[in-house]
Structure formats: structure tokens, C-alpha cells
Amino acid sequence: MTGMSDSDYRYILNELESLLEETAETLERFHETGMDEILRDDYQKLLEIQAKALREHERYLNALRQEPNRRH
């Protein structure tokens, strides 16, 4: 993650936050309608997307918190 400005990091973080919000809403709809039982593979994929987005969000947030010359 070199060569990125603080605004680049913030943009990516905002996009990841949007993805996390949308994924959480979709997971909730799956639960409400029972689709988590009917479409188990799709539900599992949504959980994987959520987990990966959370890991990436944490990674970019940590990078943003570091001093600019120490980012990698």
C-alpha cells in the first residue's frame, strides 16, 4: 500500500464501509425470509464477503493510522 494519500485511504475505507453496510442488510434480509436455509451456499458467500471486507477495512485503517513514511 505505497504511494497512497490519506484521501485515497479514506476513499477506500468509505467504500468498504458501504460494502459492509449493504452486506449486513442483505444478510438480515436472508434471515428474515428464511433464505439463509434455502440458499446456504449464497449465504456462506455473503459471510465470506463480509469477513474479507472487515479484514481489508482493518488493514487500511491501520495503514492510515501509521505515519505516512512508514506505510507499506
Protein backbone atom coordinates (compact mmCIF):
# COMPACT_ATOMS: atom_id res chain seq x y z
CA MET A 1 0.00 0.00 0.00
CA THR A 2 2.57 2.52 -1.04
CA GLY A 3 2.02 5.73 -2.88
CA MET A 4 -1.42 6.34 -1.47
CA SER A 5 -2.50 9.62 0.06
CA ASP A 6 -4.66 9.96 3.15
CA SER A 7 -7.60 10.81 0.90
CA ASP A 8 -7.02 7.56 -1.04
CA TYR A 9 -7.14 5.59 2.20
CA ARG A 10 -10.27 7.42 3.33
CA TYR A 11 -11.98 6.77 -0.02
CA ILE A 12 -11.25 3.05 0.19
CA LEU A 13 -12.39 2.94 3.81
CA ASN A 14 -15.67 4.64 2.87
CA GLU A 15 -16.23 2.17 0.04
CA LEU A 16 -15.53 -0.77 2.35
CA GLU A 17 -17.92 0.67 4.94
CA SER A 18 -20.62 0.90 2.27
CA LEU A 19 -19.97 -2.69 1.25
CA LEU A 20 -20.15 -3.83 4.87
CA GLU A 21 -23.42 -1.98 5.41
CA GLU A 22 -25.00 -3.40 2.26
CA THR A 23 -23.80 -6.90 3.09
CA ALA A 24 -25.20 -6.67 6.62
CA GLU A 25 -28.56 -5.55 5.21
CA THR A 26 -28.59 -8.42 2.73
CA LEU A 27 -27.69 -10.93 5.45
CA GLU A 28 -30.53 -9.57 7.57
CA ARG A 29 -32.97 -9.98 4.68
CA PHE A 30 -31.72 -13.55 4.20
CA HIS A 31 -32.51 -14.27 7.87
CA GLU A 32 -35.90 -12.56 7.79
CA THR A 33 -37.07 -14.51 4.75
CA GLY A 34 -35.51 -17.87 5.61
CA MET A 35 -33.28 -17.70 2.56
CA ASP A 36 -30.25 -18.45 4.75
CA GLU A 37 -31.61 -22.00 4.97
CA ILE A 38 -32.72 -22.30 1.34
CA LEU A 39 -29.66 -20.72 -0.29
CA ARG A 40 -26.97 -21.87 2.11
CA ASP A 41 -24.12 -21.53 -0.42
CA ASP A 42 -25.09 -17.96 -1.26
CA TYR A 43 -25.45 -17.14 2.41
CA GLN A 44 -21.98 -18.56 3.08
CA LYS A 45 -20.55 -16.45 0.25
CA LEU A 46 -22.08 -13.34 1.79
CA LEU A 47 -20.44 -14.19 5.10
CA GLU A 48 -17.11 -14.61 3.31
CA ILE A 49 -17.52 -11.24 1.59
CA GLN A 50 -18.29 -9.65 4.94
CA ALA A 51 -15.26 -11.25 6.61
CA LYS A 52 -12.91 -10.20 3.82
CA ALA A 53 -14.26 -6.64 3.81
CA LEU A 54 -13.77 -6.45 7.58
CA ARG A 55 -10.15 -7.64 7.25
CA GLU A 56 -9.46 -5.15 4.46
CA HIS A 57 -11.11 -2.33 6.40
CA GLU A 58 -8.90 -3.06 9.39
CA ARG A 59 -5.82 -3.23 7.17
CA TYR A 60 -6.48 0.13 5.52
CA LEU A 61 -7.46 1.74 8.80
CA ASN A 62 -4.21 0.60 10.40
CA ALA A 63 -2.24 1.87 7.40
CA LEU A 64 -3.96 5.25 7.62
CA ARG A 65 -3.08 5.48 11.31
CA GLN A 66 0.61 4.92 10.63
CA GLU A 67 2.92 7.77 9.91
CA PRO A 68 2.99 8.43 6.13
CA ASN A 69 6.64 7.41 5.74
CA ARG A 70 6.05 4.07 7.49
CA ARG A 71 3.15 2.85 5.29
CA HIS A 72 3.63 -0.27 3.23
